[in-house]
Amino acid sequence: MLLPNDSCRSIARRGSAALPGGICRRAADGADWLSLEPHLKAGLARAFGVYREAPDGSPHDEYEESLRDLELQAAKRGAGVWAATDWEALPAERREQRRDEADLHLATKTPSLPADTTIDLNTAARDDLMKLPGIGEMLANRIIESRPFRSVDQLGKVPGIGPVTVERIRPHVTVASQ
């Protein structure tokens, strides 16, 4: 979690049990970071979405697993929010959550092109371009802005599209002769 300097100082001044003083430290890029470890140990946070390396430089996968271990230890001790956990109801609640997440995924996923369908890079609508693997709204707009194309290889000149993406979508695209 990124915090502005004032927020970090404010938290340290409050010295509350949930946010003990002295937990802020300066990251290499100058941003203030709120240390997650004390909150996990106290059962006041969950270990979700660690995408950076650990403060000690270890890989993010290793760091994420160590944070999950801290969370599991807090759960076993019944610390923080874990004290109010109804362990008997937990499996049913998690099953319901997985169903909700699956429904959300179905509702929000980008539809893909049918297997034997190709689209013309010069005439395809933005929504059709977004059906290509790895192409979201921003890249679809960049493709449209980069028209006209004389060959599929020219797609590699679109900012954000590299050789791997070109090869991934090559079977799905054509360029009609101009």
C-alpha atoms as a PDB file:
ATOM      1  CA  MET A   1       0.000   0.000   0.000  1.00  0.00           C
ATOM      2  CA  LEU A   2       1.489   3.369  -0.982  1.00  0.00           C
ATOM      3  CA  LEU A   3       1.008   6.225   1.416  1.00  0.00           C
ATOM      4  CA  PRO A   4       1.837   9.889   0.945  1.00  0.00           C
ATOM      5  CA  ASN A   5       4.421  11.290   3.396  1.00  0.00           C
ATOM      6  CA  ASP A   6       1.756  13.048   5.505  1.00  0.00           C
ATOM      7  CA  SER A   7      -0.313   9.873   5.854  1.00  0.00           C
ATOM      8  CA  CYS A   8       2.713   7.909   6.976  1.00  0.00           C
ATOM      9  CA  ARG A   9       3.622  10.501   9.609  1.00  0.00           C
ATOM     10  CA  SER A  10      -0.008  10.713  10.732  1.00  0.00           C
ATOM     11  CA  ILE A  11      -0.178   6.964  11.269  1.00  0.00           C
ATOM     12  CA  ALA A  12       3.056   6.994  13.248  1.00  0.00           C
ATOM     13  CA  ARG A  13       1.731   9.878  15.441  1.00  0.00           C
ATOM     14  CA  ARG A  14      -1.527   8.051  16.168  1.00  0.00           C
ATOM     15  CA  GLY A  15       0.347   4.982  17.410  1.00  0.00           C
ATOM     16  CA  SER A  16      -2.855   2.927  17.407  1.00  0.00           C
ATOM     17  CA  ALA A  17      -2.809  -0.802  18.017  1.00  0.00           C
ATOM     18  CA  ALA A  18      -3.906  -1.518  14.443  1.00  0.00           C
ATOM     19  CA  LEU A  19      -1.281   0.829  13.018  1.00  0.00           C
ATOM     20  CA  PRO A  20       1.646   0.872  15.436  1.00  0.00           C
ATOM     21  CA  GLY A  21       4.139   3.731  15.216  1.00  0.00           C
ATOM     22  CA  GLY A  22       7.406   3.202  13.414  1.00  0.00           C
ATOM     23  CA  ILE A  23       6.049   0.926  10.687  1.00  0.00           C
ATOM     24  CA  CYS A  24       6.711   3.268   7.783  1.00  0.00           C
ATOM     25  CA  ARG A  25       9.926   3.054   5.835  1.00  0.00           C
ATOM     26  CA  ARG A  26      11.275   4.703   2.714  1.00  0.00           C
ATOM     27  CA  ALA A  27      11.337   2.557  -0.442  1.00  0.00           C
ATOM     28  CA  ALA A  28      14.176   2.833  -2.957  1.00  0.00           C
ATOM     29  CA  ASP A  29      12.024   4.942  -5.287  1.00  0.00           C
ATOM     30  CA  GLY A  30      11.277   7.431  -2.488  1.00  0.00           C
ATOM     31  CA  ALA A  31       7.697   6.300  -1.844  1.00  0.00           C
ATOM     32  CA  ASP A  32       6.539   5.564   1.699  1.00  0.00           C
ATOM     33  CA  TRP A  33       5.469   1.979   2.280  1.00  0.00           C
ATOM     34  CA  LEU A  34       3.378   0.590   5.073  1.00  0.00           C
ATOM     35  CA  SER A  35       4.965  -2.634   6.264  1.00  0.00           C
ATOM     36  CA  LEU A  36       2.553  -5.542   5.926  1.00  0.00           C
ATOM     37  CA  GLU A  37       4.269  -8.022   8.243  1.00  0.00           C
ATOM     38  CA  PRO A  38       3.144  -6.544  11.598  1.00  0.00           C
ATOM     39  CA  HIS A  39      -0.462  -6.407  10.412  1.00  0.00           C
ATOM     40  CA  LEU A  40      -0.408  -9.997   9.171  1.00  0.00           C
ATOM     41  CA  LYS A  41       1.095 -11.208  12.458  1.00  0.00           C
ATOM     42  CA  ALA A  42      -1.620  -9.358  14.374  1.00  0.00           C
ATOM     43  CA  GLY A  43      -4.369 -10.818  12.158  1.00  0.00           C
ATOM     44  CA  LEU A  44      -5.317  -7.347  10.884  1.00  0.00           C
ATOM     45  CA  ALA A  45      -4.497  -7.836   7.190  1.00  0.00           C
ATOM     46  CA  ARG A  46      -4.565 -10.445   4.451  1.00  0.00           C
ATOM     47  CA  ALA A  47      -1.738 -11.328   2.047  1.00  0.00           C
ATOM     48  CA  PHE A  48      -3.142 -10.443  -1.365  1.00  0.00           C
ATOM     49  CA  GLY A  49      -1.449  -9.307  -4.555  1.00  0.00           C
ATOM     50  CA  VAL A  50       2.247  -9.010  -3.736  1.00  0.00           C
ATOM     51  CA  TYR A  51       3.878  -7.989  -7.014  1.00  0.00           C
ATOM     52  CA  ARG A  52       7.173  -6.536  -5.844  1.00  0.00           C
ATOM     53  CA  GLU A  53      10.272  -8.090  -4.399  1.00  0.00           C
ATOM     54  CA  ALA A  54      10.592  -8.185  -0.623  1.00  0.00           C
ATOM     55  CA  PRO A  55      12.263  -5.344   1.277  1.00  0.00           C
ATOM     56  CA  ASP A  56      15.314  -7.624   1.683  1.00  0.00           C
ATOM     57  CA  GLY A  57      15.489  -8.133  -2.118  1.00  0.00           C
ATOM     58  CA  SER A  58      14.152 -11.704  -2.194  1.00  0.00           C
ATOM     59  CA  PRO A  59      11.860 -12.609  -5.140  1.00  0.00           C
ATOM     60  CA  HIS A  60       8.199 -11.675  -4.891  1.00  0.00           C
ATOM     61  CA  ASP A  61       7.035 -15.325  -5.023  1.00  0.00           C
ATOM     62  CA  GLU A  62       9.100 -16.151  -1.948  1.00  0.00           C
ATOM     63  CA  TYR A  63       7.954 -12.971  -0.194  1.00  0.00           C
ATOM     64  CA  GLU A  64       4.306 -13.661  -0.996  1.00  0.00           C
ATOM     65  CA  GLU A  65       4.582 -17.179   0.436  1.00  0.00           C
ATOM     66  CA  SER A  66       6.224 -15.871   3.619  1.00  0.00           C
ATOM     67  CA  LEU A  67       3.368 -13.366   3.999  1.00  0.00           C
ATOM     68  CA  ARG A  68       0.837 -16.169   3.556  1.00  0.00           C
ATOM     69  CA  ASP A  69       2.668 -18.122   6.276  1.00  0.00           C
ATOM     70  CA  LEU A  70       2.315 -15.144   8.639  1.00  0.00           C
ATOM     71  CA  GLU A  71      -1.388 -14.935   7.802  1.00  0.00           C
ATOM     72  CA  LEU A  72      -1.826 -18.653   8.481  1.00  0.00           C
ATOM     73  CA  GLN A  73      -0.034 -18.366  11.833  1.00  0.00           C
ATOM     74  CA  ALA A  74      -2.331 -15.492  12.853  1.00  0.00           C
ATOM     75  CA  ALA A  75      -5.359 -17.562  11.869  1.00  0.00           C
ATOM     76  CA  LYS A  76      -4.143 -20.492  13.958  1.00  0.00           C
ATOM     77  CA  ARG A  77      -3.658 -18.230  16.999  1.00  0.00           C
ATOM     78  CA  GLY A  78      -7.074 -16.637  16.462  1.00  0.00           C
ATOM     79  CA  ALA A  79      -5.455 -13.201  16.319  1.00  0.00           C
ATOM     80  CA  GLY A  80      -7.235 -10.065  15.094  1.00  0.00           C
ATOM     81  CA  VAL A  81     -10.117 -10.707  12.704  1.00  0.00           C
ATOM     82  CA  TRP A  82      -9.448 -14.431  12.915  1.00  0.00           C
ATOM     83  CA  ALA A  83     -10.865 -14.423  16.466  1.00  0.00           C
ATOM     84  CA  ALA A  84     -14.336 -13.789  15.012  1.00  0.00           C
ATOM     85  CA  THR A  85     -14.031 -16.413  12.261  1.00  0.00           C
ATOM     86  CA  ASP A  86     -16.703 -19.093  12.241  1.00  0.00           C
ATOM     87  CA  TRP A  87     -14.544 -22.001  11.101  1.00  0.00           C
ATOM     88  CA  GLU A  88     -17.542 -24.291  10.590  1.00  0.00           C
ATOM     89  CA  ALA A  89     -19.220 -21.824   8.191  1.00  0.00           C
ATOM     90  CA  LEU A  90     -16.002 -20.952   6.373  1.00  0.00           C
ATOM     91  CA  PRO A  91     -16.127 -23.703   3.695  1.00  0.00           C
ATOM     92  CA  ALA A  92     -19.658 -22.725   2.627  1.00  0.00           C
ATOM     93  CA  GLU A  93     -18.757 -19.019   2.604  1.00  0.00           C
ATOM     94  CA  ARG A  94     -15.651 -19.676   0.502  1.00  0.00           C
ATOM     95  CA  ARG A  95     -17.675 -21.843  -1.910  1.00  0.00           C
ATOM     96  CA  GLU A  96     -20.159 -18.970  -2.306  1.00  0.00           C
ATOM     97  CA  GLN A  97     -17.294 -16.531  -2.860  1.00  0.00           C
ATOM     98  CA  ARG A  98     -15.788 -18.762  -5.586  1.00  0.00           C
ATOM     99  CA  ARG A  99     -19.198 -18.925  -7.324  1.00  0.00           C
ATOM    100  CA  ASP A 100     -19.505 -15.145  -7.181  1.00  0.00           C
ATOM    101  CA  GLU A 101     -15.980 -14.704  -8.567  1.00  0.00           C
ATOM    102  CA  ALA A 102     -16.713 -17.180 -11.384  1.00  0.00           C
ATOM    103  CA  ASP A 103     -19.906 -15.275 -12.260  1.00  0.00           C
ATOM    104  CA  LEU A 104     -17.997 -11.996 -12.237  1.00  0.00           C
ATOM    105  CA  HIS A 105     -15.302 -13.466 -14.468  1.00  0.00           C
ATOM    106  CA  LEU A 106     -17.911 -14.666 -16.971  1.00  0.00           C
ATOM    107  CA  ALA A 107     -19.600 -11.268 -16.966  1.00  0.00           C
ATOM    108  CA  THR A 108     -16.407  -9.250 -17.425  1.00  0.00           C
ATOM    109  CA  LYS A 109     -14.143 -11.405 -19.551  1.00  0.00           C
ATOM    110  CA  THR A 110     -13.412 -10.217 -23.039  1.00  0.00           C
ATOM    111  CA  PRO A 111     -14.987 -12.486 -25.627  1.00  0.00           C
ATOM    112  CA  SER A 112     -12.583 -14.111 -28.028  1.00  0.00           C
ATOM    113  CA  LEU A 113     -12.824 -14.616 -31.753  1.00  0.00           C
ATOM    114  CA  PRO A 114     -14.142 -17.928 -33.029  1.00  0.00           C
ATOM    115  CA  ALA A 115     -11.270 -20.270 -33.965  1.00  0.00           C
ATOM    116  CA  ASP A 116     -11.498 -19.924 -37.768  1.00  0.00           C
ATOM    117  CA  THR A 117     -12.220 -16.179 -37.841  1.00  0.00           C
ATOM    118  CA  THR A 118      -9.773 -13.545 -39.048  1.00  0.00           C
ATOM    119  CA  ILE A 119     -10.199  -9.792 -38.976  1.00  0.00           C
ATOM    120  CA  ASP A 120      -8.683  -7.096 -41.170  1.00  0.00           C
ATOM    121  CA  LEU A 121      -6.402  -4.778 -39.197  1.00  0.00           C
ATOM    122  CA  ASN A 122      -7.390  -1.831 -41.406  1.00  0.00           C
ATOM    123  CA  THR A 123     -11.155  -2.147 -41.061  1.00  0.00           C
ATOM    124  CA  ALA A 124     -11.851  -3.964 -37.763  1.00  0.00           C
ATOM    125  CA  ALA A 125     -13.815  -2.161 -35.097  1.00  0.00           C
ATOM    126  CA  ARG A 126     -12.202  -1.524 -31.720  1.00  0.00           C
ATOM    127  CA  ASP A 127     -14.405  -4.140 -30.032  1.00  0.00           C
ATOM    128  CA  ASP A 128     -13.330  -6.749 -32.603  1.00  0.00           C
ATOM    129  CA  LEU A 129      -9.650  -5.895 -32.080  1.00  0.00           C
ATOM    130  CA  MET A 130     -10.181  -6.345 -28.340  1.00  0.00           C
ATOM    131  CA  LYS A 131     -11.182  -9.959 -28.985  1.00  0.00           C
ATOM    132  CA  LEU A 132      -7.625 -10.693 -30.131  1.00  0.00           C
ATOM    133  CA  PRO A 133      -5.451 -12.421 -27.514  1.00  0.00           C
ATOM    134  CA  GLY A 134      -3.537  -9.872 -25.459  1.00  0.00           C
ATOM    135  CA  ILE A 135      -5.250  -6.827 -26.976  1.00  0.00           C
ATOM    136  CA  GLY A 136      -7.174  -4.608 -24.588  1.00  0.00           C
ATOM    137  CA  GLU A 137      -8.853  -1.267 -25.128  1.00  0.00           C
ATOM    138  CA  MET A 138      -5.643   0.770 -25.114  1.00  0.00           C
ATOM    139  CA  LEU A 139      -3.827  -1.418 -27.652  1.00  0.00           C
ATOM    140  CA  ALA A 140      -6.920  -1.623 -29.836  1.00  0.00           C
ATOM    141  CA  ASN A 141      -7.016   2.174 -29.928  1.00  0.00           C
ATOM    142  CA  ARG A 142      -3.303   2.305 -30.785  1.00  0.00           C
ATOM    143  CA  ILE A 143      -3.832  -0.165 -33.633  1.00  0.00           C
ATOM    144  CA  ILE A 144      -6.604   2.027 -35.033  1.00  0.00           C
ATOM    145  CA  GLU A 145      -4.411   5.139 -34.707  1.00  0.00           C
ATOM    146  CA  SER A 146      -1.573   3.356 -36.561  1.00  0.00           C
ATOM    147  CA  ARG A 147      -3.625   2.517 -39.642  1.00  0.00           C
ATOM    148  CA  PRO A 148      -3.216   1.850 -42.524  1.00  0.00           C
ATOM    149  CA  PHE A 149      -1.187  -1.350 -42.393  1.00  0.00           C
ATOM    150  CA  ARG A 150       0.374  -2.894 -45.494  1.00  0.00           C
ATOM    151  CA  SER A 151       1.292  -6.137 -43.709  1.00  0.00           C
ATOM    152  CA  VAL A 152       0.672  -7.881 -40.413  1.00  0.00           C
ATOM    153  CA  ASP A 153       4.370  -7.391 -39.571  1.00  0.00           C
ATOM    154  CA  GLN A 154       3.785  -3.628 -39.347  1.00  0.00           C
ATOM    155  CA  LEU A 155       1.725  -4.319 -36.249  1.00  0.00           C
ATOM    156  CA  GLY A 156       5.050  -4.580 -34.413  1.00  0.00           C
ATOM    157  CA  LYS A 157       5.522  -0.824 -34.862  1.00  0.00           C
ATOM    158  CA  VAL A 158       2.469  -0.093 -32.697  1.00  0.00           C
ATOM    159  CA  PRO A 159       3.653   1.070 -29.246  1.00  0.00           C
ATOM    160  CA  GLY A 160       3.116  -1.728 -26.728  1.00  0.00           C
ATOM    161  CA  ILE A 161       2.995  -4.543 -29.279  1.00  0.00           C
ATOM    162  CA  GLY A 162       6.151  -6.609 -29.557  1.00  0.00           C
ATOM    163  CA  PRO A 163       7.154  -9.633 -31.640  1.00  0.00           C
ATOM    164  CA  VAL A 164       5.566 -12.114 -29.214  1.00  0.00           C
ATOM    165  CA  THR A 165       2.168 -10.390 -29.416  1.00  0.00           C
ATOM    166  CA  VAL A 166       2.402 -10.128 -33.220  1.00  0.00           C
ATOM    167  CA  GLU A 167       3.029 -13.874 -33.466  1.00  0.00           C
ATOM    168  CA  ARG A 168       0.232 -14.632 -30.984  1.00  0.00           C
ATOM    169  CA  ILE A 169      -2.371 -12.740 -33.008  1.00  0.00           C
ATOM    170  CA  ARG A 170      -0.994 -13.407 -36.522  1.00  0.00           C
ATOM    171  CA  PRO A 171      -3.355 -16.370 -37.141  1.00  0.00           C
ATOM    172  CA  HIS A 172      -6.335 -14.119 -36.343  1.00  0.00           C
ATOM    173  CA  VAL A 173      -5.542 -11.060 -38.493  1.00  0.00           C
ATOM    174  CA  THR A 174      -5.169 -10.137 -42.131  1.00  0.00           C
ATOM    175  CA  VAL A 175      -4.397  -6.996 -44.081  1.00  0.00           C
ATOM    176  CA  ALA A 176      -6.453  -6.487 -47.218  1.00  0.00           C
ATOM    177  CA  SER A 177      -4.506  -4.996 -50.105  1.00  0.00           C
ATOM    178  CA  GLN A 178      -4.727  -1.240 -50.206  1.00  0.00           C
END
